[in-house]
C-alpha atoms as a PDB file:
ATOM      1  CA  MET A   1       7.265  27.569-191.819  1.00  0.00           C
ATOM      2  CA  ARG A   2       9.594  26.535-194.639  1.00  0.00           C
ATOM      3  CA  ARG A   3      13.231  26.581-193.498  1.00  0.00           C
ATOM      4  CA  SER A   4      16.154  27.825-195.556  1.00  0.00           C
ATOM      5  CA  ALA A   5      19.375  25.839-195.846  1.00  0.00           C
ATOM      6  CA  SER A   6      21.091  28.120-193.312  1.00  0.00           C
ATOM      7  CA  GLU A   7      18.250  27.604-190.830  1.00  0.00           C
ATOM      8  CA  LYS A   8      18.440  23.823-191.204  1.00  0.00           C
ATOM      9  CA  MET A   9      22.202  24.014-190.727  1.00  0.00           C
ATOM     10  CA  GLU A  10      21.688  26.087-187.586  1.00  0.00           C
ATOM     11  CA  VAL A  11      19.290  23.461-186.180  1.00  0.00           C
ATOM     12  CA  ILE A  12      21.802  20.698-186.889  1.00  0.00           C
ATOM     13  CA  ARG A  13      24.537  22.700-185.166  1.00  0.00           C
ATOM     14  CA  ILE A  14      22.349  23.356-182.116  1.00  0.00           C
ATOM     15  CA  VAL A  15      21.460  19.655-181.799  1.00  0.00           C
ATOM     16  CA  GLN A  16      25.088  18.572-182.208  1.00  0.00           C
ATOM     17  CA  GLU A  17      26.293  20.947-179.490  1.00  0.00           C
ATOM     18  CA  SER A  18      23.382  20.501-177.098  1.00  0.00           C
ATOM     19  CA  GLU A  19      23.877  18.702-173.797  1.00  0.00           C
ATOM     20  CA  LEU A  20      20.166  17.899-173.515  1.00  0.00           C
ATOM     21  CA  GLY A  21      20.123  15.055-176.026  1.00  0.00           C
ATOM     22  CA  VAL A  22      18.485  14.968-179.465  1.00  0.00           C
ATOM     23  CA  LYS A  23      14.896  14.309-178.341  1.00  0.00           C
ATOM     24  CA  ARG A  24      14.808  17.015-175.657  1.00  0.00           C
ATOM     25  CA  THR A  25      16.583  19.592-177.824  1.00  0.00           C
ATOM     26  CA  LEU A  26      14.204  19.065-180.749  1.00  0.00           C
ATOM     27  CA  GLU A  27      11.228  19.390-178.400  1.00  0.00           C
ATOM     28  CA  GLU A  28      12.609  22.755-177.238  1.00  0.00           C
ATOM     29  CA  LEU A  29      13.056  23.837-180.865  1.00  0.00           C
ATOM     30  CA  GLY A  30       9.585  22.661-181.852  1.00  0.00           C
ATOM     31  CA  ILE A  31      10.874  20.383-184.643  1.00  0.00           C
ATOM     32  CA  SER A  32       9.886  16.738-185.106  1.00  0.00           C
ATOM     33  CA  ARG A  33      12.593  14.091-185.027  1.00  0.00           C
ATOM     34  CA  SER A  34      11.515  12.712-188.429  1.00  0.00           C
ATOM     35  CA  THR A  35      11.987  16.122-190.036  1.00  0.00           C
ATOM     36  CA  PHE A  36      15.346  16.617-188.338  1.00  0.00           C
ATOM     37  CA  TYR A  37      16.685  13.222-189.474  1.00  0.00           C
ATOM     38  CA  ILE A  38      15.647  13.927-193.067  1.00  0.00           C
ATOM     39  CA  TRP A  39      17.696  17.133-192.920  1.00  0.00           C
ATOM     40  CA  TYR A  40      20.564  15.362-191.210  1.00  0.00           C
ATOM     41  CA  LYS A  41      20.642  12.585-193.816  1.00  0.00           C
ATOM     42  CA  GLN A  42      20.695  15.161-196.614  1.00  0.00           C
ATOM     43  CA  TYR A  43      23.542  16.979-194.862  1.00  0.00           C
ATOM     44  CA  LEU A  44      25.596  13.804-194.395  1.00  0.00           C
ATOM     45  CA  GLU A  45      25.120  12.753-198.033  1.00  0.00           C
ATOM     46  CA  GLU A  46      25.546  16.118-199.806  1.00  0.00           C
ATOM     47  CA  GLY A  47      26.831  18.557-197.219  1.00  0.00           C
ATOM     48  CA  PHE A  48      25.352  22.063-196.989  1.00  0.00           C
ATOM     49  CA  ASP A  49      24.089  21.886-200.605  1.00  0.00           C
ATOM     50  CA  GLY A  50      21.868  18.972-199.624  1.00  0.00           C
ATOM     51  CA  LEU A  51      19.897  21.282-197.359  1.00  0.00           C
ATOM     52  CA  LYS A  52      19.014  23.683-200.151  1.00  0.00           C
ATOM     53  CA  PRO A  53      15.510  23.559-201.707  1.00  0.00           C
ATOM     54  CA  LYS A  54      15.318  21.292-204.730  1.00  0.00           C
ATOM     55  CA  SER A  55      15.040  23.151-208.013  1.00  0.00           C
ATOM     56  CA  SER A  56      11.624  23.259-209.617  1.00  0.00           C
ATOM     57  CA  ASN A  57      10.691  23.222-213.276  1.00  0.00           C
ATOM     58  CA  ARG A  58       8.103  25.906-212.660  1.00  0.00           C
ATOM     59  CA  LYS A  59       9.147  29.162-214.272  1.00  0.00           C
ATOM     60  CA  SER A  60       6.597  31.398-212.585  1.00  0.00           C
ATOM     61  CA  PHE A  61       4.513  31.490-209.435  1.00  0.00           C
ATOM     62  CA  TRP A  62       1.047  33.046-209.365  1.00  0.00           C
ATOM     63  CA  ASN A  63       1.624  34.440-205.863  1.00  0.00           C
ATOM     64  CA  LYS A  64       5.180  35.671-206.369  1.00  0.00           C
ATOM     65  CA  ILE A  65       5.919  38.746-204.249  1.00  0.00           C
ATOM     66  CA  PRO A  66       6.791  41.768-206.429  1.00  0.00           C
ATOM     67  CA  GLU A  67      10.195  43.388-205.950  1.00  0.00           C
ATOM     68  CA  THR A  68       8.486  46.650-205.010  1.00  0.00           C
ATOM     69  CA  GLU A  69       6.827  44.916-202.039  1.00  0.00           C
ATOM     70  CA  LYS A  70      10.112  43.296-201.015  1.00  0.00           C
ATOM     71  CA  LYS A  71      11.773  46.717-200.994  1.00  0.00           C
ATOM     72  CA  LYS A  72       8.945  48.097-198.861  1.00  0.00           C
ATOM     73  CA  VAL A  73       9.409  45.225-196.382  1.00  0.00           C
ATOM     74  CA  VAL A  74      13.080  46.099-196.032  1.00  0.00           C
ATOM     75  CA  GLU A  75      12.345  49.811-195.634  1.00  0.00           C
ATOM     76  CA  ILE A  76       9.749  49.170-192.927  1.00  0.00           C
ATOM     77  CA  ALA A  77      12.057  46.692-191.159  1.00  0.00           C
ATOM     78  CA  LEU A  78      14.810  49.310-191.021  1.00  0.00           C
ATOM     79  CA  GLU A  79      12.364  51.856-189.618  1.00  0.00           C
ATOM     80  CA  LYS A  80      10.938  49.379-187.086  1.00  0.00           C
ATOM     81  CA  GLU A  81      14.088  47.611-185.932  1.00  0.00           C
ATOM     82  CA  GLU A  82      12.439  46.494-182.686  1.00  0.00           C
ATOM     83  CA  LEU A  83       9.835  44.354-184.489  1.00  0.00           C
ATOM     84  CA  SER A  84      10.290  40.644-185.222  1.00  0.00           C
ATOM     85  CA  PRO A  85       9.317  39.193-188.635  1.00  0.00           C
ATOM     86  CA  ARG A  86       5.981  38.093-187.106  1.00  0.00           C
ATOM     87  CA  GLU A  87       5.281  41.582-185.773  1.00  0.00           C
ATOM     88  CA  LEU A  88       6.394  43.197-189.028  1.00  0.00           C
ATOM     89  CA  ALA A  89       3.963  41.045-191.032  1.00  0.00           C
ATOM     90  CA  CYS A  90       1.084  42.121-188.763  1.00  0.00           C
ATOM     91  CA  HIS A  91       2.205  45.761-188.818  1.00  0.00           C
ATOM     92  CA  ILE A  92       2.290  45.812-192.631  1.00  0.00           C
ATOM     93  CA  THR A  93      -1.201  44.293-192.870  1.00  0.00           C
ATOM     94  CA  ASP A  94      -2.736  46.585-190.240  1.00  0.00           C
ATOM     95  CA  LYS A  95      -0.962  49.838-191.067  1.00  0.00           C
ATOM     96  CA  LYS A  96      -0.060  49.562-194.766  1.00  0.00           C
ATOM     97  CA  GLY A  97      -3.126  47.691-196.001  1.00  0.00           C
ATOM     98  CA  TRP A  98      -1.493  44.799-197.874  1.00  0.00           C
ATOM     99  CA  PHE A  99      -0.749  41.221-196.835  1.00  0.00           C
ATOM    100  CA  ILE A 100       2.549  39.396-196.450  1.00  0.00           C
ATOM    101  CA  SER A 101       3.212  36.280-194.386  1.00  0.00           C
ATOM    102  CA  GLU A 102       5.644  36.029-191.485  1.00  0.00           C
ATOM    103  CA  SER A 103       7.720  33.432-193.358  1.00  0.00           C
ATOM    104  CA  SER A 104       7.985  35.709-196.409  1.00  0.00           C
ATOM    105  CA  VAL A 105       9.145  38.635-194.254  1.00  0.00           C
ATOM    106  CA  TYR A 106      11.713  36.372-192.636  1.00  0.00           C
ATOM    107  CA  ARG A 107      13.069  35.105-195.967  1.00  0.00           C
ATOM    108  CA  ILE A 108      13.278  38.635-197.429  1.00  0.00           C
ATOM    109  CA  LEU A 109      15.191  39.930-194.412  1.00  0.00           C
ATOM    110  CA  LYS A 110      17.358  36.812-194.246  1.00  0.00           C
ATOM    111  CA  GLU A 111      18.401  37.201-197.901  1.00  0.00           C
ATOM    112  CA  ARG A 112      19.583  40.744-197.125  1.00  0.00           C
ATOM    113  CA  GLY A 113      21.441  39.809-193.957  1.00  0.00           C
ATOM    114  CA  LEU A 114      18.985  41.619-191.686  1.00  0.00           C
ATOM    115  CA  VAL A 115      18.181  38.555-189.565  1.00  0.00           C
ATOM    116  CA  THR A 116      20.834  36.860-187.478  1.00  0.00           C
ATOM    117  CA  SER A 117      20.857  33.278-186.203  1.00  0.00           C
ATOM    118  CA  PRO A 118      17.383  31.741-186.521  1.00  0.00           C
ATOM    119  CA  ALA A 119      17.711  30.026-183.152  1.00  0.00           C
ATOM    120  CA  TRP A 120      15.650  32.711-181.430  1.00  0.00           C
ATOM    121  CA  ILE A 121      12.658  32.116-183.680  1.00  0.00           C
ATOM    122  CA  LEU A 122      12.794  28.356-183.223  1.00  0.00           C
ATOM    123  CA  MET A 123      12.716  28.349-179.436  1.00  0.00           C
ATOM    124  CA  ALA A 124       9.230  28.157-178.014  1.00  0.00           C
ATOM    125  CA  ALA A 125       8.070  28.760-174.439  1.00  0.00           C
ATOM    126  CA  SER A 126       5.013  27.122-172.906  1.00  0.00           C
ATOM    127  CA  ASP A 127       3.055  29.194-170.463  1.00  0.00           C
ATOM    128  CA  GLU A 128      -0.451  27.798-170.783  1.00  0.00           C
ATOM    129  CA  PHE A 129      -2.664  27.217-167.768  1.00  0.00           C
ATOM    130  CA  LYS A 130      -4.296  23.786-168.040  1.00  0.00           C
ATOM    131  CA  ASP A 131      -7.812  25.165-167.423  1.00  0.00           C
ATOM    132  CA  LYS A 132      -7.889  27.917-170.025  1.00  0.00           C
ATOM    133  CA  THR A 133     -10.065  30.947-169.485  1.00  0.00           C
ATOM    134  CA  THR A 134     -12.759  31.733-172.054  1.00  0.00           C
ATOM    135  CA  HIS A 135     -13.488  35.430-171.482  1.00  0.00           C
ATOM    136  CA  ILE A 136     -12.090  38.536-169.839  1.00  0.00           C
ATOM    137  CA  HIS A 137     -12.383  39.028-166.073  1.00  0.00           C
ATOM    138  CA  GLN A 138     -12.777  35.297-165.512  1.00  0.00           C
ATOM    139  CA  GLN A 139      -9.382  35.115-163.855  1.00  0.00           C
ATOM    140  CA  TRP A 140      -6.663  37.603-162.998  1.00  0.00           C
ATOM    141  CA  GLN A 141      -3.019  36.787-162.381  1.00  0.00           C
ATOM    142  CA  THR A 142      -0.875  38.706-159.910  1.00  0.00           C
ATOM    143  CA  ASP A 143       2.767  38.632-158.916  1.00  0.00           C
ATOM    144  CA  PHE A 144       5.608  40.747-157.551  1.00  0.00           C
ATOM    145  CA  THR A 145       8.990  41.359-159.131  1.00  0.00           C
ATOM    146  CA  TYR A 146      11.823  43.589-157.932  1.00  0.00           C
ATOM    147  CA  PHE A 147      14.140  46.378-159.046  1.00  0.00           C
ATOM    148  CA  LYS A 148      17.134  47.992-157.414  1.00  0.00           C
ATOM    149  CA  ILE A 149      17.303  51.784-157.450  1.00  0.00           C
ATOM    150  CA  ILE A 150      20.782  53.177-156.838  1.00  0.00           C
ATOM    151  CA  ASN A 151      21.070  54.712-153.349  1.00  0.00           C
ATOM    152  CA  TRP A 152      17.421  53.880-152.640  1.00  0.00           C
ATOM    153  CA  GLY A 153      17.522  50.093-152.355  1.00  0.00           C
ATOM    154  CA  TRP A 154      14.979  47.520-153.536  1.00  0.00           C
ATOM    155  CA  TYR A 155      11.534  48.392-154.877  1.00  0.00           C
ATOM    156  CA  TYR A 156       8.812  45.871-155.712  1.00  0.00           C
ATOM    157  CA  LEU A 157       6.482  45.947-158.700  1.00  0.00           C
ATOM    158  CA  ALA A 158       3.021  44.426-158.164  1.00  0.00           C
ATOM    159  CA  THR A 159       0.995  43.705-161.317  1.00  0.00           C
ATOM    160  CA  ILE A 160      -2.543  42.555-162.089  1.00  0.00           C
ATOM    161  CA  MET A 161      -2.991  40.883-165.498  1.00  0.00           C
ATOM    162  CA  ASP A 162      -6.243  39.668-167.030  1.00  0.00           C
ATOM    163  CA  ASP A 163      -5.596  35.991-167.788  1.00  0.00           C
ATOM    164  CA  TYR A 164      -7.678  35.782-170.977  1.00  0.00           C
ATOM    165  CA  SER A 165      -6.534  38.945-172.751  1.00  0.00           C
ATOM    166  CA  ARG A 166      -3.138  39.378-170.995  1.00  0.00           C
ATOM    167  CA  TYR A 167      -4.099  43.033-170.540  1.00  0.00           C
ATOM    168  CA  ILE A 168      -2.326  44.779-167.647  1.00  0.00           C
ATOM    169  CA  ILE A 169      -5.189  46.179-165.585  1.00  0.00           C
ATOM    170  CA  SER A 170      -3.168  47.781-162.799  1.00  0.00           C
ATOM    171  CA  TRP A 171       0.329  47.964-161.359  1.00  0.00           C
ATOM    172  CA  GLU A 172       2.160  49.742-158.576  1.00  0.00           C
ATOM    173  CA  LEU A 173       5.799  50.224-157.630  1.00  0.00           C
ATOM    174  CA  CYS A 174       5.917  49.532-153.883  1.00  0.00           C
ATOM    175  CA  GLN A 175       8.579  49.960-151.214  1.00  0.00           C
ATOM    176  CA  ASN A 176       7.538  46.687-149.614  1.00  0.00           C
ATOM    177  CA  MET A 177       6.038  43.358-150.614  1.00  0.00           C
ATOM    178  CA  GLU A 178       3.440  43.025-147.865  1.00  0.00           C
ATOM    179  CA  SER A 179      -0.202  41.934-147.906  1.00  0.00           C
ATOM    180  CA  THR A 180      -1.256  45.592-147.691  1.00  0.00           C
ATOM    181  CA  ASP A 181       0.622  46.272-150.938  1.00  0.00           C
ATOM    182  CA  ALA A 182      -1.018  43.280-152.627  1.00  0.00           C
ATOM    183  CA  MET A 183      -4.458  44.396-151.426  1.00  0.00           C
ATOM    184  CA  ARG A 184      -3.880  47.938-152.661  1.00  0.00           C
ATOM    185  CA  VAL A 185      -3.043  46.883-156.230  1.00  0.00           C
ATOM    186  CA  VAL A 186      -5.998  44.452-156.356  1.00  0.00           C
ATOM    187  CA  GLY A 187      -8.278  47.225-155.119  1.00  0.00           C
ATOM    188  CA  GLN A 188      -6.958  49.518-157.829  1.00  0.00           C
ATOM    189  CA  ALA A 189      -7.702  46.859-160.458  1.00  0.00           C
ATOM    190  CA  LEU A 190     -11.264  46.476-159.169  1.00  0.00           C
ATOM    191  CA  ARG A 191     -11.845  50.226-159.405  1.00  0.00           C
ATOM    192  CA  THR A 192     -10.303  50.394-162.881  1.00  0.00           C
ATOM    193  CA  SER A 193     -12.386  47.507-164.210  1.00  0.00           C
ATOM    194  CA  GLY A 194     -15.612  48.714-162.600  1.00  0.00           C
ATOM    195  CA  LEU A 195     -16.803  45.148-162.005  1.00  0.00           C
ATOM    196  CA  THR A 196     -19.828  44.630-159.774  1.00  0.00           C
ATOM    197  CA  PRO A 197     -19.549  42.200-156.821  1.00  0.00           C
ATOM    198  CA  GLY A 198     -21.413  39.448-158.669  1.00  0.00           C
ATOM    199  CA  ASN A 199     -19.072  39.529-161.690  1.00  0.00           C
ATOM    200  CA  ARG A 200     -15.629  39.607-160.128  1.00  0.00           C
ATOM    201  CA  PRO A 201     -12.845  37.206-161.148  1.00  0.00           C
ATOM    202  CA  ARG A 202     -10.873  34.677-159.218  1.00  0.00           C
ATOM    203  CA  LEU A 203      -7.295  35.686-158.476  1.00  0.00           C
ATOM    204  CA  LEU A 204      -4.343  33.450-159.331  1.00  0.00           C
ATOM    205  CA  SER A 205      -1.190  34.011-157.276  1.00  0.00           C
ATOM    206  CA  ASP A 206       1.795  32.109-155.976  1.00  0.00           C
ATOM    207  CA  ASN A 207       2.264  31.089-152.367  1.00  0.00           C
ATOM    208  CA  GLY A 208       4.158  34.198-151.274  1.00  0.00           C
ATOM    209  CA  SER A 209       3.612  35.328-147.706  1.00  0.00           C
ATOM    210  CA  CYS A 210       1.646  38.403-148.800  1.00  0.00           C
ATOM    211  CA  TYR A 211      -0.882  36.187-150.598  1.00  0.00           C
ATOM    212  CA  VAL A 212      -1.363  33.529-147.925  1.00  0.00           C
ATOM    213  CA  SER A 213      -1.927  35.919-145.000  1.00  0.00           C
ATOM    214  CA  ASN A 214      -5.280  35.944-143.250  1.00  0.00           C
ATOM    215  CA  ALA A 215      -5.636  39.659-143.965  1.00  0.00           C
ATOM    216  CA  PHE A 216      -5.344  39.097-147.711  1.00  0.00           C
ATOM    217  CA  LYS A 217      -7.791  36.185-147.636  1.00  0.00           C
ATOM    218  CA  GLU A 218     -10.317  38.311-145.748  1.00  0.00           C
ATOM    219  CA  PHE A 219      -9.823  41.140-148.243  1.00  0.00           C
ATOM    220  CA  LEU A 220     -10.648  38.851-151.186  1.00  0.00           C
ATOM    221  CA  TYR A 221     -13.664  37.421-149.368  1.00  0.00           C
ATOM    222  CA  GLU A 222     -15.017  40.896-148.627  1.00  0.00           C
ATOM    223  CA  HIS A 223     -14.576  41.852-152.279  1.00  0.00           C
ATOM    224  CA  HIS A 224     -16.305  38.694-153.577  1.00  0.00           C
ATOM    225  CA  MET A 225     -13.197  37.257-155.260  1.00  0.00           C
ATOM    226  CA  GLY A 226     -12.089  33.655-155.416  1.00  0.00           C
ATOM    227  CA  HIS A 227      -8.445  32.727-154.905  1.00  0.00           C
ATOM    228  CA  VAL A 228      -6.360  30.106-156.712  1.00  0.00           C
ATOM    229  CA  GLN A 229      -2.783  29.500-155.590  1.00  0.00           C
ATOM    230  CA  GLY A 230      -0.242  28.090-158.011  1.00  0.00           C
ATOM    231  CA  ALA A 231       1.337  24.746-157.308  1.00  0.00           C
ATOM    232  CA  PRO A 232       4.804  25.036-155.694  1.00  0.00           C
ATOM    233  CA  TYR A 233       7.733  24.434-158.072  1.00  0.00           C
ATOM    234  CA  HIS A 234       5.389  24.665-161.051  1.00  0.00           C
ATOM    235  CA  PRO A 235       6.032  28.065-162.671  1.00  0.00           C
ATOM    236  CA  GLN A 236       3.983  27.140-165.758  1.00  0.00           C
ATOM    237  CA  THR A 237       0.824  27.812-163.713  1.00  0.00           C
ATOM    238  CA  GLN A 238       1.629  31.534-163.599  1.00  0.00           C
ATOM    239  CA  GLY A 239       3.662  31.550-166.757  1.00  0.00           C
ATOM    240  CA  LYS A 240       1.800  34.464-168.338  1.00  0.00           C
ATOM    241  CA  ILE A 241       2.533  37.092-165.724  1.00  0.00           C
ATOM    242  CA  GLU A 242       6.019  35.758-164.989  1.00  0.00           C
ATOM    243  CA  ARG A 243       6.875  35.869-168.659  1.00  0.00           C
ATOM    244  CA  TYR A 244       5.460  39.400-168.879  1.00  0.00           C
ATOM    245  CA  HIS A 245       7.684  40.496-165.988  1.00  0.00           C
ATOM    246  CA  ARG A 246      10.742  38.966-167.679  1.00  0.00           C
ATOM    247  CA  THR A 247       9.931  40.700-170.971  1.00  0.00           C
ATOM    248  CA  MET A 248       9.322  44.013-169.244  1.00  0.00           C
ATOM    249  CA  LYS A 249      12.530  43.834-167.187  1.00  0.00           C
ATOM    250  CA  ASN A 250      14.586  43.020-170.284  1.00  0.00           C
ATOM    251  CA  VAL A 251      13.559  46.437-171.615  1.00  0.00           C
ATOM    252  CA  VAL A 252      13.215  48.563-168.485  1.00  0.00           C
ATOM    253  CA  LYS A 253      16.451  47.344-166.875  1.00  0.00           C
ATOM    254  CA  LEU A 254      18.538  48.529-169.814  1.00  0.00           C
ATOM    255  CA  GLU A 255      18.932  51.762-167.837  1.00  0.00           C
ATOM    256  CA  ASN A 256      20.244  52.504-164.341  1.00  0.00           C
ATOM    257  CA  TYR A 257      17.794  54.235-162.028  1.00  0.00           C
ATOM    258  CA  TYR A 258      18.618  56.805-159.374  1.00  0.00           C
ATOM    259  CA  PHE A 259      15.071  57.895-158.532  1.00  0.00           C
ATOM    260  CA  PRO A 260      11.837  55.892-158.144  1.00  0.00           C
ATOM    261  CA  ASP A 261       9.901  58.325-160.358  1.00  0.00           C
ATOM    262  CA  ASP A 262      12.231  57.637-163.283  1.00  0.00           C
ATOM    263  CA  LEU A 263      11.604  53.906-162.938  1.00  0.00           C
ATOM    264  CA  ARG A 264       7.834  54.451-162.667  1.00  0.00           C
ATOM    265  CA  ALA A 265       7.861  56.534-165.857  1.00  0.00           C
ATOM    266  CA  ASN A 266       9.621  53.784-167.817  1.00  0.00           C
ATOM    267  CA  ILE A 267       7.340  51.081-166.438  1.00  0.00           C
ATOM    268  CA  GLU A 268       4.329  53.175-167.402  1.00  0.00           C
ATOM    269  CA  ALA A 269       5.670  53.588-170.939  1.00  0.00           C
ATOM    270  CA  PHE A 270       6.278  49.858-171.270  1.00  0.00           C
ATOM    271  CA  VAL A 271       2.801  48.962-169.965  1.00  0.00           C
ATOM    272  CA  ASP A 272       1.270  51.290-172.565  1.00  0.00           C
ATOM    273  CA  TYR A 273       3.381  49.685-175.303  1.00  0.00           C
ATOM    274  CA  TYR A 274       2.587  46.149-174.127  1.00  0.00           C
ATOM    275  CA  ASN A 275      -1.159  46.742-173.809  1.00  0.00           C
ATOM    276  CA  ASN A 276      -1.737  48.821-176.930  1.00  0.00           C
ATOM    277  CA  GLN A 277       1.042  48.223-179.469  1.00  0.00           C
ATOM    278  CA  ARG A 278       2.770  44.868-178.982  1.00  0.00           C
ATOM    279  CA  TYR A 279       1.362  42.075-181.170  1.00  0.00           C
ATOM    280  CA  HIS A 280       0.889  38.949-179.051  1.00  0.00           C
ATOM    281  CA  GLU A 281       1.311  35.653-180.896  1.00  0.00           C
ATOM    282  CA  SER A 282      -0.921  33.640-178.555  1.00  0.00           C
ATOM    283  CA  LEU A 283      -3.756  36.146-179.098  1.00  0.00           C
ATOM    284  CA  GLY A 284      -3.737  35.745-182.874  1.00  0.00           C
ATOM    285  CA  ASN A 285      -1.233  38.562-183.303  1.00  0.00           C
ATOM    286  CA  VAL A 286      -3.408  41.316-181.901  1.00  0.00           C
ATOM    287  CA  THR A 287      -2.654  43.409-178.826  1.00  0.00           C
ATOM    288  CA  PRO A 288      -3.966  42.662-175.311  1.00  0.00           C
ATOM    289  CA  ALA A 289      -6.086  45.831-175.549  1.00  0.00           C
ATOM    290  CA  ASP A 290      -7.694  44.526-178.754  1.00  0.00           C
ATOM    291  CA  VAL A 291      -8.880  41.424-176.890  1.00  0.00           C
ATOM    292  CA  TYR A 292      -9.742  43.248-173.655  1.00  0.00           C
ATOM    293  CA  PHE A 293     -11.907  45.815-175.424  1.00  0.00           C
ATOM    294  CA  GLY A 294     -13.478  43.347-177.879  1.00  0.00           C
ATOM    295  CA  ARG A 295     -11.753  44.425-181.117  1.00  0.00           C
ATOM    296  CA  GLN A 296     -10.018  41.114-181.905  1.00  0.00           C
ATOM    297  CA  LYS A 297     -12.674  39.583-184.199  1.00  0.00           C
ATOM    298  CA  GLN A 298     -13.038  42.747-186.261  1.00  0.00           C
ATOM    299  CA  ILE A 299      -9.261  43.054-186.745  1.00  0.00           C
ATOM    300  CA  LEU A 300      -8.821  39.398-187.736  1.00  0.00           C
ATOM    301  CA  ASN A 301     -11.718  39.630-190.206  1.00  0.00           C
ATOM    302  CA  ARG A 302     -10.189  42.735-191.765  1.00  0.00           C
ATOM    303  CA  ARG A 303      -6.820  40.985-192.083  1.00  0.00           C
ATOM    304  CA  ALA A 304      -8.485  38.070-193.870  1.00  0.00           C
ATOM    305  CA  GLU A 305     -10.081  40.513-196.321  1.00  0.00           C
ATOM    306  CA  ILE A 306      -6.743  42.254-196.945  1.00  0.00           C
ATOM    307  CA  LYS A 307      -5.073  38.887-197.542  1.00  0.00           C
ATOM    308  CA  ILE A 308      -7.649  37.922-200.182  1.00  0.00           C
ATOM    309  CA  GLU A 309      -7.366  41.327-201.878  1.00  0.00           C
ATOM    310  CA  THR A 310      -3.560  41.199-201.917  1.00  0.00           C
ATOM    311  CA  ILE A 311      -3.445  37.672-203.343  1.00  0.00           C
ATOM    312  CA  LYS A 312      -5.900  38.647-206.113  1.00  0.00           C
ATOM    313  CA  LYS A 313      -3.717  41.638-207.056  1.00  0.00           C
ATOM    314  CA  ARG A 314      -0.537  39.525-207.078  1.00  0.00           C
ATOM    315  CA  ARG A 315      -2.196  36.825-209.210  1.00  0.00           C
ATOM    316  CA  LYS A 316      -3.338  39.446-211.727  1.00  0.00           C
ATOM    317  CA  MET A 317       0.075  41.128-211.765  1.00  0.00           C
ATOM    318  CA  ASN A 318       1.993  37.863-212.209  1.00  0.00           C
ATOM    319  CA  ARG A 319      -0.304  36.644-214.997  1.00  0.00           C
ATOM    320  CA  LYS A 320       0.170  39.959-216.780  1.00  0.00           C
ATOM    321  CA  SER A 321       3.975  39.694-216.409  1.00  0.00           C
ATOM    322  CA  LYS A 322       3.896  36.119-217.719  1.00  0.00           C
ATOM    323  CA  LYS A 323       1.936  37.135-220.853  1.00  0.00           C
ATOM    324  CA  SER A 324       4.245  40.038-221.621  1.00  0.00           C
ATOM    325  CA  ALA A 325       7.388  37.909-221.128  1.00  0.00           C
END
């Protein structure tokens, strides 16, 4: 993605103030050291102006985005304030039928002051399992997280996620975090998926007491499921479901809860949003449901067609404007 002068300046500021050192900080930001030092040299020699794009002698661009499209981007962004530039670009392609890149959305919003510090878009998190799955129901991930309900105490959310598609197959808000609770949510996932004994996945979990008990091991054996336990002190192994829980809690915990049913209702709403509406970058910017139910290829092919059609229209429009100028 091409960076604006303000974005480059923000990177320089982050590196200067970081306590991690230049190399580690740039790795976290996903920027090469050679690129950073080019920016830094330009900044030292010319100040902020040195970070600005160099002027070009070209007077017109065949793929220039029309002002009408830019206005539509802004209008949609104001209507969909919860969407990032990446999600907005996908939303426009899927719902409006014309193509615009993530970087173009970002620049349009940045020019109008609708995007704050670019630091959030530069930070990248790694949550890949070293032995990647290749199809759905090859491996499921499971984990517990907790919530406090006022005057009720702690409740525990157990979740089953399909590793390949990141689709949430089942979940349950439990009063305890025992092996019986873990078995119940796995059983619910098996019923929901309808998998036969010969086609059941292995289960990836941490080393919590509910997952290492003999009762839980016997349950998995009886249900023809393998079991993989994550390495201690290595959260990357279960990064997908742990990151999902963090994302979900950042939304759900915005409210205080006085009754378990209120919390369940909000979790249910978030699961529906996450599975069916939220564009997932690691899935090619489709939803988990699109991958789980086999729609991903069709959607990506349609996006490619829309991109070609949009570029042809822009080329024709810009050539016509150039001739009439």
